[in-house]
N, C-alpha and C. Protein backbone atom coordinates (compact mmCIF):
# COMPACT_ATOMS: atom_id res chain seq x y z
N MET A 1 128.25 107.12 96.67
CA MET A 1 129.47 106.29 97.24
C MET A 1 129.69 106.43 98.24
N PRO A 2 130.21 105.08 99.19
CA PRO A 2 130.64 104.89 100.33
C PRO A 2 131.81 105.26 100.72
N ASN A 3 132.05 105.72 102.20
CA ASN A 3 133.40 106.72 102.22
C ASN A 3 134.30 105.49 102.99
N ALA A 4 135.66 105.50 102.53
CA ALA A 4 136.25 104.71 102.77
C ALA A 4 137.05 104.96 104.11
N ASN A 5 136.93 105.97 104.58
CA ASN A 5 137.30 106.34 106.14
C ASN A 5 136.63 106.05 107.01
N ARG A 6 135.51 106.31 106.46
CA ARG A 6 134.74 105.54 108.08
C ARG A 6 134.37 104.61 108.60
N GLY A 7 134.71 104.78 110.26
CA GLY A 7 134.61 103.81 110.76
C GLY A 7 135.93 103.35 111.08
N ALA A 8 137.15 104.23 110.16
CA ALA A 8 138.40 104.01 111.03
C ALA A 8 139.01 104.78 111.96
N VAL A 9 139.78 104.60 112.78
CA VAL A 9 140.28 105.52 113.91
C VAL A 9 141.68 106.12 113.99
N GLY A 10 142.20 106.19 112.94
CA GLY A 10 142.37 107.53 112.39
C GLY A 10 144.39 106.23 112.08
N PHE A 11 145.02 105.69 113.41
CA PHE A 11 146.34 104.69 113.27
C PHE A 11 146.49 103.79 114.22
N GLN A 12 146.86 102.68 114.26
CA GLN A 12 146.99 101.59 115.00
C GLN A 12 148.43 101.50 114.95
N SER A 13 147.91 100.78 116.83
CA SER A 13 149.21 100.93 117.50
C SER A 13 149.01 99.62 118.23
N SER A 14 150.58 98.73 118.79
CA SER A 14 150.31 97.92 119.83
C SER A 14 150.82 98.52 120.74
N GLU A 15 151.01 100.02 121.46
CA GLU A 15 151.52 100.25 122.47
C GLU A 15 150.55 99.94 123.76
N PHE A 16 149.11 99.84 123.42
CA PHE A 16 148.44 99.40 124.66
C PHE A 16 148.21 98.20 124.91
N GLU A 17 148.57 97.67 123.83
CA GLU A 17 148.04 95.80 124.14
C GLU A 17 149.28 95.34 125.37
N GLN A 18 148.58 94.50 126.04
CA GLN A 18 149.38 94.02 127.09
C GLN A 18 149.73 92.38 126.72
N GLU A 19 150.71 92.13 127.05
CA GLU A 19 150.99 90.68 127.10
C GLU A 19 151.52 90.14 127.66
N TYR A 20 150.26 88.97 128.03
CA TYR A 20 150.85 87.96 129.50
C TYR A 20 151.69 87.04 129.23
N ASP A 21 152.06 86.88 130.02
CA ASP A 21 152.75 85.60 130.67
C ASP A 21 152.31 84.34 130.90
N ARG A 22 151.28 84.35 131.66
CA ARG A 22 150.92 83.31 131.70
C ARG A 22 149.54 82.71 131.17
N PRO A 23 149.05 80.99 131.42
CA PRO A 23 148.59 80.76 130.52
C PRO A 23 146.77 81.59 130.58
N SER A 24 146.46 81.67 129.89
CA SER A 24 144.77 82.07 129.90
C SER A 24 143.92 81.15 130.33
N LYS A 25 142.90 81.95 130.73
CA LYS A 25 141.58 81.38 131.73
C LYS A 25 141.23 80.12 131.10
N SER A 26 140.73 79.97 129.45
CA SER A 26 140.51 79.04 129.12
C SER A 26 141.60 77.99 129.18
N GLN A 27 142.98 78.14 129.15
CA GLN A 27 143.69 76.60 128.92
C GLN A 27 143.72 76.55 130.63
N LEU A 28 143.36 77.09 131.55
CA LEU A 28 143.76 77.05 133.10
C LEU A 28 142.59 75.87 133.06
N LYS A 29 141.61 76.54 132.28
CA LYS A 29 140.16 75.45 132.99
C LYS A 29 140.31 74.22 132.16
N ARG A 30 140.77 74.36 130.99
CA ARG A 30 140.93 72.79 130.23
C ARG A 30 142.05 71.99 131.10
N GLU A 31 142.90 72.35 131.98
CA GLU A 31 144.23 71.68 132.59
C GLU A 31 143.26 71.41 133.93
N MET A 32 142.50 71.95 134.59
CA MET A 32 141.84 71.90 135.57
C MET A 32 140.59 70.66 135.38
N GLU A 33 140.07 70.81 134.09
CA GLU A 33 139.33 69.43 133.83
C GLU A 33 139.81 68.30 133.27
N ALA A 34 141.02 68.22 132.90
CA ALA A 34 142.32 67.29 132.54
C ALA A 34 142.60 66.62 133.92
N LEU A 35 142.97 67.49 134.98
CA LEU A 35 142.80 66.81 135.75
C LEU A 35 141.57 66.12 136.82
N GLN A 36 140.67 66.49 136.90
CA GLN A 36 139.21 66.57 137.11
C GLN A 36 139.14 64.76 136.80
N LYS A 37 139.02 64.90 135.73
CA LYS A 37 139.11 63.28 134.78
C LYS A 37 139.99 62.70 134.95
N LEU A 38 141.22 62.58 135.18
CA LEU A 38 142.09 61.76 136.06
C LEU A 38 141.89 61.36 136.96
N GLY A 39 141.42 62.04 138.17
CA GLY A 39 140.98 61.87 139.43
C GLY A 39 139.94 60.96 139.38
N GLU A 40 139.08 60.86 138.57
CA GLU A 40 137.47 60.61 138.14
C GLU A 40 138.19 58.80 137.76
N ALA A 41 139.41 58.89 136.68
CA ALA A 41 139.51 57.77 136.34
C ALA A 41 140.26 56.46 137.20
N LEU A 42 141.07 57.56 138.14
CA LEU A 42 141.20 56.57 139.52
C LEU A 42 140.37 56.50 140.50
N VAL A 43 139.54 56.85 140.34
CA VAL A 43 138.18 56.38 141.13
C VAL A 43 137.56 55.27 140.41
N ALA A 44 137.54 55.33 139.75
CA ALA A 44 136.90 54.04 138.94
C ALA A 44 137.71 52.73 138.91
N GLU A 45 139.07 52.82 139.04
CA GLU A 45 139.19 51.28 139.47
C GLU A 45 139.44 50.86 140.61
N PRO A 46 140.25 49.86 140.23
CA PRO A 46 140.09 48.73 142.17
C PRO A 46 140.80 49.61 143.27
N ARG A 47 140.43 49.05 144.23
CA ARG A 47 141.07 49.46 145.46
C ARG A 47 142.59 49.52 145.36
N ASP A 48 142.63 48.19 144.90
CA ASP A 48 144.07 47.65 145.06
C ASP A 48 144.84 47.97 143.80
N ARG A 49 144.59 48.28 143.39
CA ARG A 49 144.98 49.43 142.03
C ARG A 49 145.71 50.73 142.44
N VAL A 50 144.90 51.16 142.94
CA VAL A 50 144.60 52.68 143.16
C VAL A 50 146.02 53.00 144.26
N LYS A 51 145.90 51.24 145.27
CA LYS A 51 146.74 51.82 146.19
C LYS A 51 148.41 51.51 145.98
N ARG A 52 148.33 51.03 144.87
CA ARG A 52 149.72 50.50 144.35
C ARG A 52 150.19 51.97 143.12
N VAL A 53 149.54 52.84 142.91
CA VAL A 53 150.24 54.19 142.11
C VAL A 53 150.75 55.03 143.22
N PRO A 54 151.85 55.46 142.58
CA PRO A 54 152.84 55.82 143.61
C PRO A 54 152.05 57.87 143.57
N MET A 55 151.69 58.08 144.48
CA MET A 55 151.29 59.24 144.74
C MET A 55 151.09 59.98 146.36
N PRO A 56 150.95 61.25 146.47
CA PRO A 56 150.76 61.66 148.26
C PRO A 56 149.65 61.08 148.59
N GLU A 57 149.90 60.69 149.54
CA GLU A 57 149.20 59.93 150.44
C GLU A 57 147.57 61.08 150.97
N ASP A 58 147.51 62.05 150.63
CA ASP A 58 146.30 62.63 150.84
C ASP A 58 145.77 62.49 149.76
N VAL A 59 146.17 62.47 148.72
CA VAL A 59 145.49 62.44 147.61
C VAL A 59 144.64 60.73 147.35
N ARG A 60 145.53 60.44 147.46
CA ARG A 60 145.24 58.64 147.77
C ARG A 60 143.53 58.67 148.47
N GLU A 61 144.07 58.89 149.75
CA GLU A 61 143.36 58.94 150.39
C GLU A 61 141.86 59.29 150.25
N ALA A 62 141.82 60.63 149.35
CA ALA A 62 140.66 61.39 148.90
C ALA A 62 139.98 60.54 148.00
N ILE A 63 140.79 59.23 147.36
CA ILE A 63 140.07 58.77 146.40
C ILE A 63 139.59 57.69 146.90
N LEU A 64 140.17 56.90 147.86
CA LEU A 64 139.52 55.56 148.29
C LEU A 64 138.66 56.12 149.05
N GLU A 65 138.22 57.16 149.84
CA GLU A 65 137.32 57.51 150.60
C GLU A 65 136.25 57.54 149.44
N CYS A 66 136.09 58.62 147.92
CA CYS A 66 135.31 58.46 147.35
C CYS A 66 135.04 57.44 146.49
N GLN A 67 135.62 56.40 146.70
CA GLN A 67 134.80 54.84 146.31
C GLN A 67 134.25 54.71 147.35
N GLN A 68 134.27 54.67 148.62
CA GLN A 68 133.03 54.31 149.02
C GLN A 68 131.99 54.61 149.17
N ILE A 69 131.87 56.66 148.71
CA ILE A 69 130.81 56.89 148.86
C ILE A 69 129.36 56.28 147.98
N LYS A 70 128.61 55.98 148.56
CA LYS A 70 127.38 55.75 147.23
C LYS A 70 125.96 56.76 147.12
N ASP A 71 126.26 57.47 148.25
CA ASP A 71 125.29 58.61 147.81
C ASP A 71 125.86 59.79 146.75
N HIS A 72 124.85 60.13 146.03
CA HIS A 72 124.91 60.50 145.00
C HIS A 72 125.61 61.79 145.09
N GLU A 73 124.73 62.90 145.68
CA GLU A 73 125.62 64.15 146.15
C GLU A 73 127.09 63.90 147.00
N GLY A 74 126.75 63.23 147.99
CA GLY A 74 128.60 63.13 148.42
C GLY A 74 128.99 62.76 147.70
N ARG A 75 128.60 61.76 146.72
CA ARG A 75 130.28 61.64 146.06
C ARG A 75 130.58 62.70 144.73
N ARG A 76 129.48 63.12 144.81
CA ARG A 76 129.67 64.42 143.65
C ARG A 76 130.73 65.52 144.35
N ARG A 77 130.71 65.69 145.73
CA ARG A 77 131.31 66.51 146.13
C ARG A 77 132.64 66.04 146.23
N GLN A 78 132.91 64.29 146.58
CA GLN A 78 133.96 64.30 147.06
C GLN A 78 134.88 64.12 145.69
N MET A 79 134.06 64.15 144.53
CA MET A 79 134.89 63.82 143.50
C MET A 79 135.73 65.09 142.96
N GLN A 80 134.72 66.67 143.41
CA GLN A 80 135.26 67.78 143.34
C GLN A 80 136.68 68.01 144.66
N TYR A 81 136.44 67.55 145.27
CA TYR A 81 137.39 67.48 146.62
C TYR A 81 138.60 66.69 146.05
N VAL A 82 138.33 65.45 145.23
CA VAL A 82 139.34 64.85 144.21
C VAL A 82 140.02 65.40 143.59
N GLY A 83 139.79 65.97 142.68
CA GLY A 83 139.91 67.37 141.75
C GLY A 83 140.74 68.15 142.19
N LYS A 84 140.21 69.14 143.25
CA LYS A 84 140.99 69.72 144.12
C LYS A 84 142.52 69.15 144.39
N LYS A 85 142.14 68.42 145.11
CA LYS A 85 143.72 67.51 145.64
C LYS A 85 144.63 66.95 144.06
N MET A 86 143.97 67.09 143.30
CA MET A 86 144.66 66.56 142.03
C MET A 86 145.72 67.92 141.46
N ARG A 87 144.74 68.82 141.48
CA ARG A 87 145.56 69.83 141.27
C ARG A 87 146.52 70.44 142.04
N SER A 88 146.69 69.54 143.62
CA SER A 88 147.54 70.11 144.13
C SER A 88 148.96 69.28 143.71
N LEU A 89 148.70 68.17 142.87
CA LEU A 89 150.60 67.86 142.65
C LEU A 89 151.30 68.53 141.19
N GLU A 90 152.39 68.36 141.68
CA GLU A 90 153.37 68.63 140.89
C GLU A 90 152.92 67.76 139.46
N GLU A 91 153.90 68.53 138.23
CA GLU A 91 153.82 67.90 136.97
C GLU A 91 154.39 66.58 136.62
N ASP A 92 155.54 66.28 137.40
CA ASP A 92 156.26 65.12 137.74
C ASP A 92 155.05 64.01 138.13
N GLU A 93 154.76 64.47 139.29
CA GLU A 93 153.57 63.16 139.85
C GLU A 93 152.62 63.06 139.05
N ILE A 94 151.75 64.16 138.47
CA ILE A 94 150.71 63.85 137.59
C ILE A 94 151.16 62.76 135.97
N ALA A 95 152.48 63.18 135.56
CA ALA A 95 152.92 62.31 134.89
C ALA A 95 153.19 61.01 135.26
N ILE A 96 153.58 60.64 136.13
CA ILE A 96 153.66 59.16 136.79
C ILE A 96 152.13 58.60 136.71
N ILE A 97 151.15 59.32 137.42
CA ILE A 97 150.11 58.61 137.47
C ILE A 97 149.36 58.74 136.17
N GLN A 98 149.43 59.78 134.91
CA GLN A 98 148.67 59.08 133.82
C GLN A 98 149.56 57.93 133.67
N LYS A 99 150.63 57.72 133.22
CA LYS A 99 151.60 56.51 132.58
C LYS A 99 150.85 55.29 133.31
N THR A 100 150.89 55.60 135.08
CA THR A 100 150.19 54.47 135.38
C THR A 100 149.16 53.54 134.23
N ILE A 101 148.07 55.04 134.51
CA ILE A 101 146.52 54.54 133.98
C ILE A 101 146.54 53.71 132.73
N ASP A 102 147.88 54.72 131.99
CA ASP A 102 147.61 54.06 130.25
C ASP A 102 148.33 52.96 130.23
N SER A 103 149.31 52.65 131.17
CA SER A 103 149.98 51.09 131.20
C SER A 103 148.51 50.27 131.10
N TRP A 104 147.96 50.22 132.35
CA TRP A 104 146.88 49.46 132.71
C TRP A 104 145.96 49.11 131.64
N ARG A 105 145.47 50.35 130.65
CA ARG A 105 144.70 50.14 129.82
C ARG A 105 145.51 49.62 128.38
N GLY A 106 146.88 49.60 128.26
CA GLY A 106 147.55 48.85 127.43
C GLY A 106 147.50 47.28 127.97
N ALA A 107 147.62 46.78 129.29
CA ALA A 107 147.61 45.86 129.58
C ALA A 107 146.07 45.07 129.72
N SER A 108 145.07 46.28 129.64
CA SER A 108 144.16 45.64 129.85
C SER A 108 143.91 45.20 128.53
N LYS A 109 144.18 45.89 127.55
CA LYS A 109 143.60 45.40 125.92
C LYS A 109 144.60 43.68 125.73
N ALA A 110 145.67 43.75 126.01
CA ALA A 110 146.23 42.66 125.74
C ALA A 110 145.68 41.70 126.57
N GLU A 111 145.17 41.76 127.58
CA GLU A 111 144.73 40.67 128.43
C GLU A 111 143.70 39.91 127.85
N THR A 112 142.78 41.11 127.63
CA THR A 112 141.59 40.99 126.55
C THR A 112 141.62 39.87 125.08
N ALA A 113 142.70 40.52 124.39
CA ALA A 113 142.81 39.66 123.70
C ALA A 113 143.92 38.33 123.52
N ALA A 114 144.81 38.35 124.55
CA ALA A 114 144.69 36.76 125.16
C ALA A 114 143.73 35.95 125.53
N MET A 115 143.01 36.29 126.80
CA MET A 115 141.12 35.73 127.03
C MET A 115 140.44 35.63 125.46
N HIS A 116 140.58 36.41 124.46
CA HIS A 116 139.85 36.24 123.75
C HIS A 116 140.36 34.61 122.43
N ALA A 117 141.93 34.60 122.88
CA ALA A 117 142.68 33.90 122.30
C ALA A 117 142.49 32.36 122.52
N LEU A 118 142.12 32.08 124.25
CA LEU A 118 141.66 31.11 124.72
C LEU A 118 140.65 30.66 124.55
N GLU A 119 139.85 31.39 124.48
CA GLU A 119 138.29 30.97 123.86
C GLU A 119 138.51 30.60 122.74
N ARG A 120 139.13 31.29 122.03
CA ARG A 120 139.21 30.51 120.30
C ARG A 120 139.64 28.72 120.39
N ARG A 121 140.88 29.27 120.99
CA ARG A 121 141.25 27.91 121.30
C ARG A 121 140.78 26.54 121.70
N ARG A 122 139.79 27.01 122.68
CA ARG A 122 138.65 25.73 123.39
C ARG A 122 137.73 25.65 122.49
N GLU A 123 137.49 26.94 121.33
CA GLU A 123 136.33 26.24 120.46
C GLU A 123 136.69 25.26 119.41
N LYS A 124 138.20 25.09 119.21
CA LYS A 124 138.78 24.54 118.10
C LYS A 124 139.06 23.45 118.76
N LEU A 125 139.36 23.37 120.03
CA LEU A 125 139.46 21.66 120.80
C LEU A 125 137.67 20.87 120.90
N LEU A 126 136.71 21.91 120.87
CA LEU A 126 135.34 20.82 120.50
C LEU A 126 135.06 20.96 119.21
N ALA A 127 135.59 21.79 118.25
CA ALA A 127 135.12 21.26 117.10
C ALA A 127 136.13 20.62 116.08
N ASP A 128 137.20 20.29 116.53
CA ASP A 128 138.14 19.40 115.55
C ASP A 128 138.83 18.62 116.14
N ASP A 129 139.24 17.44 116.40
CA ASP A 129 140.12 16.39 117.22
C ASP A 129 141.49 16.76 116.92
N ALA A 130 141.55 17.13 115.52
CA ALA A 130 142.95 17.80 115.30
C ALA A 130 143.75 18.67 116.16
N ALA A 131 142.86 19.63 116.78
CA ALA A 131 143.14 20.30 117.90
C ALA A 131 143.71 20.03 118.68
N LEU A 132 143.23 19.25 119.62
CA LEU A 132 143.87 18.32 120.63
C LEU A 132 145.28 18.10 119.77
N THR A 133 145.77 17.28 119.16
CA THR A 133 147.29 16.59 118.52
C THR A 133 147.87 18.09 118.46
N ASN A 134 147.50 19.19 117.85
CA ASN A 134 147.79 20.63 118.14
C ASN A 134 148.83 20.88 119.48
N LEU A 135 147.80 20.98 120.25
CA LEU A 135 147.80 21.55 121.65
C LEU A 135 148.49 20.55 122.40
N LEU A 136 148.59 19.02 122.19
CA LEU A 136 149.83 18.11 122.72
C LEU A 136 151.51 18.53 122.22
N ASN A 137 151.18 18.56 120.88
CA ASN A 137 152.72 18.81 120.46
C ASN A 137 153.12 20.49 120.96
N GLU A 138 151.75 21.40 121.40
CA GLU A 138 153.13 22.48 122.06
C GLU A 138 152.78 22.46 123.19
N TYR A 139 152.16 21.53 124.10
CA TYR A 139 152.24 21.17 125.44
C TYR A 139 152.16 19.98 125.65
N PRO A 140 153.50 19.78 125.49
CA PRO A 140 153.48 18.06 126.01
C PRO A 140 152.72 17.33 127.51
N GLU A 141 152.84 17.96 128.23
CA GLU A 141 152.84 17.94 129.47
C GLU A 141 151.42 18.13 129.87
N VAL A 142 150.30 17.75 129.06
CA VAL A 142 149.23 18.27 129.41
C VAL A 142 149.08 16.70 129.58
N ASP A 143 147.18 16.07 130.59
CA ASP A 143 147.35 14.67 130.79
C ASP A 143 146.11 14.52 129.39
N VAL A 144 146.21 13.97 128.62
CA VAL A 144 145.52 13.43 127.42
C VAL A 144 144.09 13.26 128.01
N GLN A 145 144.38 12.07 128.45
CA GLN A 145 142.52 11.51 129.08
C GLN A 145 141.82 12.18 129.45
N HIS A 146 142.71 13.15 130.64
CA HIS A 146 142.01 13.70 131.10
C HIS A 146 141.33 14.97 130.07
N MET A 147 141.96 15.04 129.16
CA MET A 147 141.37 16.51 128.18
C MET A 147 140.72 16.28 127.24
N ARG A 148 140.86 14.36 127.13
CA ARG A 148 139.45 14.44 126.00
C ARG A 148 138.35 13.90 126.97
N THR A 149 138.29 13.59 127.83
CA THR A 149 137.52 13.44 129.06
C THR A 149 136.66 14.85 128.99
N LEU A 150 137.36 15.76 129.25
CA LEU A 150 136.76 17.26 129.13
C LEU A 150 135.80 17.68 127.78
N ILE A 151 136.85 17.87 126.90
CA ILE A 151 136.35 17.93 125.57
C ILE A 151 134.86 17.08 125.23
N ARG A 152 134.67 15.67 125.80
CA ARG A 152 133.66 15.23 125.51
C ARG A 152 132.48 15.73 126.35
N ASN A 153 132.66 15.69 127.67
CA ASN A 153 131.48 16.31 128.63
C ASN A 153 131.25 17.67 127.89
N ALA A 154 132.31 18.89 127.71
CA ALA A 154 131.67 19.57 127.31
C ALA A 154 130.89 19.81 125.81
N ARG A 155 131.00 19.18 124.87
CA ARG A 155 130.02 18.74 123.96
C ARG A 155 128.98 18.23 124.30
N LYS A 156 128.96 16.91 125.22
CA LYS A 156 127.55 16.93 125.71
C LYS A 156 126.97 17.86 126.36
N GLU A 157 127.44 18.59 127.17
CA GLU A 157 126.92 19.84 127.90
C GLU A 157 126.30 20.78 126.80
N GLN A 158 126.92 21.09 125.76
CA GLN A 158 126.25 22.15 125.05
C GLN A 158 125.25 21.66 124.45
N ALA A 159 125.14 20.32 124.06
CA ALA A 159 124.01 19.35 123.11
C ALA A 159 122.76 18.89 124.43
N GLU A 160 122.93 19.02 125.33
CA GLU A 160 121.83 18.85 126.27
C GLU A 160 121.68 20.23 126.93
N ASN A 161 122.32 21.51 126.68
CA ASN A 161 121.72 22.49 127.00
C ASN A 161 122.13 22.41 129.05
N LYS A 162 123.20 22.44 129.23
CA LYS A 162 123.56 21.91 130.73
C LYS A 162 124.65 23.19 130.73
N PRO A 163 124.75 22.76 132.38
CA PRO A 163 125.83 24.00 133.11
C PRO A 163 127.70 23.67 132.36
N PRO A 164 128.19 25.00 131.76
CA PRO A 164 129.00 24.52 131.03
C PRO A 164 130.01 24.39 132.21
N LYS A 165 130.14 22.99 132.84
CA LYS A 165 131.60 23.05 133.87
C LYS A 165 132.87 22.62 133.53
N ALA A 166 132.40 21.67 132.42
CA ALA A 166 133.92 21.07 131.57
C ALA A 166 134.22 22.19 130.37
N TYR A 167 132.95 22.67 130.00
CA TYR A 167 133.47 24.04 129.25
C TYR A 167 134.32 24.82 130.32
N ARG A 168 134.29 25.07 130.86
CA ARG A 168 135.01 26.20 131.81
C ARG A 168 136.38 25.60 132.47
N GLU A 169 136.17 24.35 132.68
CA GLU A 169 137.21 23.69 133.10
C GLU A 169 138.46 23.28 132.06
N ILE A 170 138.08 23.22 130.92
CA ILE A 170 139.05 23.35 129.43
C ILE A 170 139.64 24.79 129.23
N PHE A 171 138.92 25.83 129.34
CA PHE A 171 139.41 27.51 129.61
C PHE A 171 140.36 27.55 130.81
N GLN A 172 140.62 27.25 131.69
CA GLN A 172 140.81 26.76 133.34
C GLN A 172 142.27 26.36 132.81
N ILE A 173 142.30 25.00 132.51
CA ILE A 173 143.92 24.41 131.89
C ILE A 173 144.17 25.06 130.98
N LEU A 174 143.37 25.76 129.92
CA LEU A 174 144.17 26.26 128.69
C LEU A 174 145.08 27.61 129.58
N LYS A 175 144.09 28.22 130.57
CA LYS A 175 144.56 29.53 131.05
C LYS A 175 145.93 29.31 131.65
N GLN A 176 145.83 28.35 132.48
CA GLN A 176 147.38 27.69 133.48
C GLN A 176 148.63 27.71 132.29
N LEU A 177 148.06 26.85 131.30
CA LEU A 177 149.52 26.33 130.46
C LEU A 177 149.97 27.30 129.72
N GLN A 178 149.15 28.64 129.50
CA GLN A 178 149.35 29.94 128.86
C GLN A 178 150.71 30.81 130.07
N ILE A 179 149.98 30.65 130.98
CA ILE A 179 150.64 31.24 132.14
C ILE A 179 152.05 30.79 132.37
N ALA A 180 151.87 29.15 132.45
CA ALA A 180 153.39 28.43 132.74
C ALA A 180 154.21 28.87 131.75
N ALA A 181 154.13 28.58 130.53
CA ALA A 181 154.63 29.30 129.30
C ALA A 181 155.16 30.33 129.58
N ALA A 182 154.29 31.14 129.67
CA ALA A 182 155.07 33.15 129.68
C ALA A 182 155.93 33.04 130.91
N LYS A 183 155.92 32.04 132.04
CA LYS A 183 156.71 32.50 132.78
C LYS A 183 157.48 31.65 132.27
N GLN A 184 157.64 30.47 132.16
CA GLN A 184 158.82 29.87 131.53
C GLN A 184 159.87 30.99 130.26
N ARG A 185 159.14 31.66 129.70
CA ARG A 185 160.28 32.34 128.94
C ARG A 185 160.49 33.82 129.20
N GLY A 186 159.87 34.11 130.94
CA GLY A 186 160.68 35.09 131.69
C GLY A 186 159.44 36.45 131.38
N GLU A 187 158.47 36.08 130.95
CA GLU A 187 157.58 36.85 130.87
C GLU A 187 156.63 37.54 131.99
N GLU A 188 156.25 38.47 132.62
CA GLU A 188 155.56 38.75 133.97
C GLU A 188 154.28 38.88 133.50
N ILE A 189 153.16 38.10 133.93
CA ILE A 189 151.43 37.82 133.56
C ILE A 189 151.17 38.00 134.95
N ASP A 190 150.25 39.24 135.01
CA ASP A 190 149.50 39.15 136.31
C ASP A 190 148.19 38.54 136.54
N GLU A 191 148.39 36.86 137.08
CA GLU A 191 147.27 36.29 137.12
C GLU A 191 146.01 36.70 137.43
N GLN A 192 145.75 37.75 138.06
CA GLN A 192 144.67 38.26 139.07
C GLN A 192 144.20 38.94 137.54
N GLU A 193 144.94 39.82 136.94
CA GLU A 193 144.43 40.70 135.72
C GLU A 193 143.56 39.74 134.40
N LEU A 194 144.24 38.70 134.52
CA LEU A 194 143.61 37.95 133.56
C LEU A 194 142.40 37.43 134.00
N ASP A 195 141.23 37.86 134.11
CA ASP A 195 140.02 37.37 134.57
C ASP A 195 139.58 36.35 133.82
N ASP A 196 138.88 34.99 135.04
CA ASP A 196 137.90 34.09 134.62
C ASP A 196 137.28 34.87 133.48
N GLU A 197 136.54 34.07 132.84
CA GLU A 197 135.33 34.35 131.66
C GLU A 197 133.85 34.51 133.04
N GLU A 198 133.09 34.93 132.40
CA GLU A 198 131.65 35.21 132.67
C GLU A 198 130.84 34.29 132.60
């Protein structure tokens, strides 16, 4: 018959338990890793974008310097330094940087979607003559003769497997029409961000 008291220490008390007012080591490590990743995200961005982020100058310099380092070990050490600099930031500074990066990601998705919409519209123009009529209804300022010539040349390029010169020019015209329409509506479009197709 097993003894019910075996292994018991008598009475239990919370008298000797310590209470912590600060975060645990695990929590601190998670926060440090999150700041390291935030620094890595900034290093991965183009230099002109990093220069526009509101942050202390010493942090910006560490990030820009890291972007220039090509040597693997040197870059790894510089990334550690960037992480250290990121840990020196105040919570409100970190929040602003995170918000900026999040806005880039959202804008980037919107720009990609806009580019795909332009590509689909170009494909419709090449596939269906009625698509040109729809385009003219939406954008009466389009040079009809020039657009017809481009569509004809783009079809010929595809049929003969030639470089897509007219095909790309149609895309550029569609992009400029979209940018002009957005400006007319008062929307702000970063023309540099809406990259040309590859």
